Amino acid sequence: MQLGESLEDYLECIYILHLQGKVRSIDVSKRLEVSKPSVNKAVNVLKEKNLLTQESYGDIRLTQAGIDMAKGILNRHLTITKFLKEILNVSDVNAETDACKIEHIISDETFNQMIKLLEK
């Protein structure tokens, strides 16, 4: 399932917050620096895709499918960041910024080659 850059960012953020405890819309809004209505719109789309649930104005909860997808997104992000820092010697700030962009467009082939290089 393809979500697109924005929804992937929301799902990744929700997963990270989920690992820390309860997830509220306001927390997502603050972390991503977006408006609460933007969070509500994204949450509704992710609910339609059965990636999360939310009772009216309640906590956001990931479904198992949401957890699985979010883990993949986060893994891709962390792997690309590590590759940029360790293999290309990119600064921490630029590695993080660039990984956020690259993670959405990278092919499986390129990503797998990154993993192979990191494992050497």
N, C-alpha and C. Protein backbone atom coordinates (compact mmCIF):
# COMPACT_ATOMS: atom_id res chain seq x y z
N MET A 1 0.85 -1.19 0.00
CA MET A 1 0.00 0.00 0.00
C MET A 1 0.89 1.24 0.00
N GLN A 2 0.66 2.11 -0.93
CA GLN A 2 1.39 3.37 -1.02
C GLN A 2 0.60 4.46 -0.30
N LEU A 3 1.29 5.20 0.56
CA LEU A 3 0.61 6.26 1.30
C LEU A 3 0.96 7.65 0.80
N GLY A 4 2.12 7.82 0.27
CA GLY A 4 2.60 9.14 -0.09
C GLY A 4 3.41 9.72 1.07
N GLU A 5 4.20 10.70 0.75
CA GLU A 5 5.15 11.28 1.70
C GLU A 5 4.49 11.79 2.98
N SER A 6 3.47 12.57 2.85
CA SER A 6 2.84 13.19 4.02
C SER A 6 2.25 12.14 4.97
N LEU A 7 1.49 11.20 4.44
CA LEU A 7 0.88 10.19 5.29
C LEU A 7 1.92 9.27 5.90
N GLU A 8 3.00 8.99 5.17
CA GLU A 8 4.08 8.21 5.75
C GLU A 8 4.70 8.94 6.94
N ASP A 9 4.87 10.26 6.80
CA ASP A 9 5.41 11.06 7.91
C ASP A 9 4.49 11.01 9.13
N TYR A 10 3.20 11.10 8.89
CA TYR A 10 2.25 11.02 10.00
C TYR A 10 2.31 9.65 10.66
N LEU A 11 2.33 8.60 9.87
CA LEU A 11 2.35 7.25 10.42
C LEU A 11 3.64 7.01 11.21
N GLU A 12 4.75 7.45 10.67
CA GLU A 12 6.03 7.30 11.37
C GLU A 12 6.01 8.05 12.70
N CYS A 13 5.51 9.27 12.68
CA CYS A 13 5.41 10.08 13.89
C CYS A 13 4.51 9.42 14.93
N ILE A 14 3.37 8.94 14.50
CA ILE A 14 2.43 8.28 15.42
C ILE A 14 3.08 7.05 16.02
N TYR A 15 3.83 6.31 15.23
CA TYR A 15 4.50 5.11 15.74
C TYR A 15 5.54 5.47 16.79
N ILE A 16 6.34 6.49 16.53
CA ILE A 16 7.36 6.93 17.50
C ILE A 16 6.69 7.36 18.80
N LEU A 17 5.60 8.12 18.70
CA LEU A 17 4.87 8.54 19.90
C LEU A 17 4.25 7.33 20.60
N HIS A 18 3.77 6.36 19.82
CA HIS A 18 3.19 5.13 20.35
C HIS A 18 4.22 4.38 21.20
N LEU A 19 5.46 4.38 20.77
CA LEU A 19 6.52 3.71 21.52
C LEU A 19 6.77 4.39 22.87
N GLN A 20 6.42 5.66 22.96
CA GLN A 20 6.62 6.43 24.19
C GLN A 20 5.40 6.41 25.11
N GLY A 21 4.26 5.93 24.61
CA GLY A 21 3.03 5.89 25.41
C GLY A 21 1.82 6.26 24.58
N LYS A 22 0.90 6.99 25.20
CA LYS A 22 -0.33 7.40 24.52
C LYS A 22 -0.04 8.38 23.40
N VAL A 23 -0.87 8.32 22.38
CA VAL A 23 -0.73 9.22 21.23
C VAL A 23 -1.98 10.08 21.13
N ARG A 24 -1.77 11.38 21.24
CA ARG A 24 -2.87 12.33 21.09
C ARG A 24 -2.62 13.20 19.86
N SER A 25 -3.67 13.69 19.27
CA SER A 25 -3.54 14.54 18.08
C SER A 25 -2.64 15.74 18.35
N ILE A 26 -2.76 16.31 19.51
CA ILE A 26 -1.96 17.50 19.85
C ILE A 26 -0.47 17.17 19.85
N ASP A 27 -0.12 15.94 20.28
CA ASP A 27 1.29 15.53 20.28
C ASP A 27 1.82 15.40 18.86
N VAL A 28 1.01 14.85 17.98
CA VAL A 28 1.39 14.72 16.57
C VAL A 28 1.55 16.11 15.97
N SER A 29 0.61 16.98 16.26
CA SER A 29 0.63 18.35 15.76
C SER A 29 1.92 19.07 16.17
N LYS A 30 2.28 18.94 17.42
CA LYS A 30 3.50 19.60 17.92
C LYS A 30 4.76 19.01 17.29
N ARG A 31 4.82 17.69 17.24
CA ARG A 31 6.03 17.02 16.73
C ARG A 31 6.26 17.32 15.25
N LEU A 32 5.21 17.33 14.47
CA LEU A 32 5.35 17.58 13.03
C LEU A 32 5.23 19.06 12.68
N GLU A 33 4.89 19.87 13.67
CA GLU A 33 4.71 21.31 13.47
C GLU A 33 3.67 21.60 12.40
N VAL A 34 2.51 20.97 12.57
CA VAL A 34 1.36 21.17 11.69
C VAL A 34 0.15 21.50 12.53
N SER A 35 -0.90 21.97 11.87
CA SER A 35 -2.12 22.32 12.59
C SER A 35 -2.88 21.08 13.03
N LYS A 36 -3.69 21.24 14.07
CA LYS A 36 -4.51 20.13 14.54
C LYS A 36 -5.50 19.66 13.46
N PRO A 37 -6.11 20.58 12.69
CA PRO A 37 -6.99 20.12 11.60
C PRO A 37 -6.23 19.26 10.57
N SER A 38 -4.97 19.58 10.31
CA SER A 38 -4.18 18.77 9.38
C SER A 38 -3.98 17.36 9.94
N VAL A 39 -3.73 17.27 11.24
CA VAL A 39 -3.58 15.97 11.89
C VAL A 39 -4.89 15.19 11.78
N ASN A 40 -6.00 15.86 12.07
CA ASN A 40 -7.31 15.18 12.01
C ASN A 40 -7.60 14.65 10.61
N LYS A 41 -7.25 15.42 9.60
CA LYS A 41 -7.46 14.98 8.22
C LYS A 41 -6.62 13.74 7.92
N ALA A 42 -5.35 13.77 8.30
CA ALA A 42 -4.46 12.63 8.07
C ALA A 42 -4.92 11.40 8.85
N VAL A 43 -5.33 11.61 10.09
CA VAL A 43 -5.82 10.50 10.92
C VAL A 43 -7.03 9.85 10.28
N ASN A 44 -7.92 10.64 9.75
CA ASN A 44 -9.11 10.09 9.09
C ASN A 44 -8.74 9.24 7.88
N VAL A 45 -7.77 9.69 7.10
CA VAL A 45 -7.34 8.91 5.94
C VAL A 45 -6.68 7.61 6.40
N LEU A 46 -5.85 7.68 7.42
CA LEU A 46 -5.18 6.48 7.93
C LEU A 46 -6.18 5.52 8.57
N LYS A 47 -7.25 6.07 9.14
CA LYS A 47 -8.32 5.21 9.68
C LYS A 47 -9.02 4.48 8.54
N GLU A 48 -9.29 5.18 7.45
CA GLU A 48 -9.94 4.56 6.28
C GLU A 48 -9.09 3.43 5.70
N LYS A 49 -7.78 3.54 5.86
CA LYS A 49 -6.87 2.52 5.35
C LYS A 49 -6.61 1.43 6.40
N ASN A 50 -7.35 1.49 7.50
CA ASN A 50 -7.24 0.51 8.59
C ASN A 50 -5.84 0.43 9.19
N LEU A 51 -5.16 1.56 9.25
CA LEU A 51 -3.83 1.60 9.85
C LEU A 51 -3.86 2.11 11.29
N LEU A 52 -4.97 2.74 11.66
CA LEU A 52 -5.13 3.18 13.04
C LEU A 52 -6.60 3.34 13.39
N THR A 53 -6.84 3.50 14.67
CA THR A 53 -8.18 3.75 15.18
C THR A 53 -8.14 4.95 16.10
N GLN A 54 -9.28 5.57 16.28
CA GLN A 54 -9.39 6.68 17.22
C GLN A 54 -10.86 6.87 17.55
N GLU A 55 -11.15 6.81 18.82
CA GLU A 55 -12.49 7.16 19.26
C GLU A 55 -12.62 8.67 19.14
N SER A 56 -13.82 9.18 19.14
CA SER A 56 -14.05 10.60 18.99
C SER A 56 -13.24 11.39 20.03
N TYR A 57 -12.28 12.18 19.55
CA TYR A 57 -11.40 13.00 20.38
C TYR A 57 -10.57 12.18 21.38
N GLY A 58 -10.38 10.90 21.12
CA GLY A 58 -9.60 10.05 22.02
C GLY A 58 -8.19 9.83 21.50
N ASP A 59 -7.50 8.94 22.19
CA ASP A 59 -6.14 8.60 21.81
C ASP A 59 -6.12 7.90 20.45
N ILE A 60 -5.03 8.06 19.75
CA ILE A 60 -4.82 7.41 18.47
C ILE A 60 -4.14 6.08 18.75
N ARG A 61 -4.67 5.02 18.15
CA ARG A 61 -4.09 3.69 18.33
C ARG A 61 -3.80 3.07 16.98
N LEU A 62 -2.61 2.54 16.84
CA LEU A 62 -2.23 1.86 15.60
C LEU A 62 -2.82 0.46 15.57
N THR A 63 -3.28 0.05 14.41
CA THR A 63 -3.67 -1.35 14.21
C THR A 63 -2.38 -2.13 13.98
N GLN A 64 -2.47 -3.46 13.93
CA GLN A 64 -1.27 -4.24 13.66
C GLN A 64 -0.71 -3.91 12.29
N ALA A 65 -1.59 -3.70 11.32
CA ALA A 65 -1.14 -3.31 9.98
C ALA A 65 -0.42 -1.96 10.03
N GLY A 66 -0.93 -1.04 10.85
CA GLY A 66 -0.30 0.27 11.01
C GLY A 66 1.07 0.16 11.67
N ILE A 67 1.16 -0.69 12.67
CA ILE A 67 2.45 -0.91 13.34
C ILE A 67 3.46 -1.49 12.36
N ASP A 68 3.03 -2.51 11.61
CA ASP A 68 3.93 -3.14 10.66
C ASP A 68 4.43 -2.16 9.61
N MET A 69 3.53 -1.36 9.06
CA MET A 69 3.92 -0.39 8.04
C MET A 69 4.82 0.69 8.64
N ALA A 70 4.47 1.17 9.82
CA ALA A 70 5.26 2.22 10.47
C ALA A 70 6.66 1.73 10.81
N LYS A 71 6.77 0.49 11.24
CA LYS A 71 8.11 -0.08 11.53
C LYS A 71 8.97 -0.07 10.27
N GLY A 72 8.37 -0.42 9.14
CA GLY A 72 9.10 -0.41 7.88
C GLY A 72 9.55 0.99 7.49
N ILE A 73 8.68 1.96 7.67
CA ILE A 73 9.01 3.35 7.35
C ILE A 73 10.14 3.85 8.25
N LEU A 74 10.01 3.58 9.54
CA LEU A 74 11.05 4.02 10.49
C LEU A 74 12.37 3.32 10.21
N ASN A 75 12.33 2.03 9.90
CA ASN A 75 13.55 1.30 9.58
C ASN A 75 14.24 1.89 8.36
N ARG A 76 13.45 2.21 7.35
CA ARG A 76 14.01 2.82 6.14
C ARG A 76 14.68 4.15 6.49
N HIS A 77 14.00 4.95 7.30
CA HIS A 77 14.52 6.26 7.72
C HIS A 77 15.85 6.10 8.48
N LEU A 78 15.86 5.20 9.46
CA LEU A 78 17.05 5.02 10.29
C LEU A 78 18.21 4.44 9.47
N THR A 79 17.91 3.53 8.57
CA THR A 79 18.95 2.92 7.73
C THR A 79 19.56 3.96 6.80
N ILE A 80 18.74 4.77 6.18
CA ILE A 80 19.25 5.81 5.27
C ILE A 80 20.08 6.82 6.04
N THR A 81 19.60 7.22 7.22
CA THR A 81 20.36 8.16 8.05
C THR A 81 21.73 7.57 8.40
N LYS A 82 21.74 6.32 8.81
CA LYS A 82 22.99 5.65 9.16
C LYS A 82 23.92 5.58 7.95
N PHE A 83 23.39 5.24 6.78
CA PHE A 83 24.18 5.17 5.56
C PHE A 83 24.81 6.53 5.25
N LEU A 84 24.02 7.58 5.31
CA LEU A 84 24.52 8.91 5.01
C LEU A 84 25.63 9.33 5.98
N LYS A 85 25.45 8.99 7.24
CA LYS A 85 26.44 9.38 8.25
C LYS A 85 27.69 8.50 8.20
N GLU A 86 27.51 7.19 8.14
CA GLU A 86 28.64 6.28 8.26
C GLU A 86 29.38 6.03 6.96
N ILE A 87 28.67 5.96 5.88
CA ILE A 87 29.31 5.66 4.59
C ILE A 87 29.72 6.95 3.87
N LEU A 88 28.86 7.94 3.89
CA LEU A 88 29.13 9.18 3.16
C LEU A 88 29.68 10.31 4.03
N ASN A 89 29.75 10.08 5.35
CA ASN A 89 30.25 11.09 6.30
C ASN A 89 29.49 12.41 6.25
N VAL A 90 28.20 12.32 6.06
CA VAL A 90 27.34 13.50 6.06
C VAL A 90 27.09 13.91 7.52
N SER A 91 26.98 15.19 7.76
CA SER A 91 26.74 15.68 9.12
C SER A 91 25.42 15.14 9.66
N ASP A 92 25.28 15.07 10.96
CA ASP A 92 24.06 14.56 11.59
C ASP A 92 22.82 15.32 11.11
N VAL A 93 22.91 16.62 11.09
CA VAL A 93 21.75 17.45 10.71
C VAL A 93 21.36 17.19 9.26
N ASN A 94 22.32 17.19 8.36
CA ASN A 94 22.01 16.97 6.95
C ASN A 94 21.58 15.53 6.70
N ALA A 95 22.18 14.58 7.40
CA ALA A 95 21.78 13.18 7.23
C ALA A 95 20.32 13.00 7.61
N GLU A 96 19.91 13.60 8.70
CA GLU A 96 18.52 13.48 9.15
C GLU A 96 17.57 14.16 8.16
N THR A 97 17.91 15.36 7.74
CA THR A 97 17.07 16.10 6.79
C THR A 97 16.96 15.36 5.46
N ASP A 98 18.09 14.90 4.95
CA ASP A 98 18.09 14.21 3.66
C ASP A 98 17.38 12.87 3.75
N ALA A 99 17.56 12.14 4.84
CA ALA A 99 16.90 10.84 5.01
C ALA A 99 15.38 11.01 4.98
N CYS A 100 14.88 12.09 5.56
CA CYS A 100 13.43 12.36 5.56
C CYS A 100 12.90 12.50 4.14
N LYS A 101 13.71 13.03 3.26
CA LYS A 101 13.29 13.20 1.87
C LYS A 101 13.49 11.91 1.06
N ILE A 102 14.65 11.29 1.24
CA ILE A 102 15.01 10.11 0.45
C ILE A 102 14.10 8.93 0.76
N GLU A 103 13.73 8.77 2.03
CA GLU A 103 12.97 7.58 2.45
C GLU A 103 11.67 7.38 1.66
N HIS A 104 11.14 8.44 1.10
CA HIS A 104 9.86 8.36 0.39
C HIS A 104 10.00 7.97 -1.08
N ILE A 105 11.20 8.12 -1.62
CA ILE A 105 11.35 7.92 -3.05
C ILE A 105 12.33 6.82 -3.42
N ILE A 106 13.06 6.31 -2.45
CA ILE A 106 14.11 5.34 -2.74
C ILE A 106 13.52 4.02 -3.24
N SER A 107 14.18 3.43 -4.22
CA SER A 107 13.72 2.13 -4.72
C SER A 107 14.17 1.03 -3.77
N ASP A 108 13.51 -0.10 -3.84
CA ASP A 108 13.90 -1.25 -3.01
C ASP A 108 15.32 -1.69 -3.35
N GLU A 109 15.65 -1.66 -4.64
CA GLU A 109 16.99 -2.08 -5.06
C GLU A 109 18.06 -1.21 -4.41
N THR A 110 17.90 0.09 -4.49
CA THR A 110 18.88 1.00 -3.91
C THR A 110 18.95 0.84 -2.40
N PHE A 111 17.79 0.73 -1.78
CA PHE A 111 17.75 0.56 -0.33
C PHE A 111 18.48 -0.72 0.08
N ASN A 112 18.24 -1.80 -0.63
CA ASN A 112 18.90 -3.07 -0.31
C ASN A 112 20.41 -2.99 -0.50
N GLN A 113 20.85 -2.23 -1.49
CA GLN A 113 22.29 -2.04 -1.69
C GLN A 113 22.89 -1.22 -0.54
N MET A 114 22.15 -0.26 -0.04
CA MET A 114 22.60 0.50 1.13
C MET A 114 22.81 -0.43 2.32
N ILE A 115 21.85 -1.30 2.53
CA ILE A 115 21.93 -2.25 3.63
C ILE A 115 23.16 -3.14 3.47
N LYS A 116 23.41 -3.63 2.26
CA LYS A 116 24.58 -4.47 2.01
C LYS A 116 25.87 -3.73 2.34
N LEU A 117 25.97 -2.47 1.94
CA LEU A 117 27.17 -1.69 2.24
C LEU A 117 27.34 -1.47 3.74
N LEU A 118 26.24 -1.23 4.43
CA LEU A 118 26.31 -1.03 5.87
C LEU A 118 26.73 -2.29 6.61
N GLU A 119 26.37 -3.43 6.06
CA GLU A 119 26.70 -4.70 6.72
C GLU A 119 28.17 -5.08 6.55
N LYS A 120 28.86 -4.47 5.59
CA LYS A 120 30.29 -4.80 5.35
C LYS A 120 31.17 -4.18 6.40
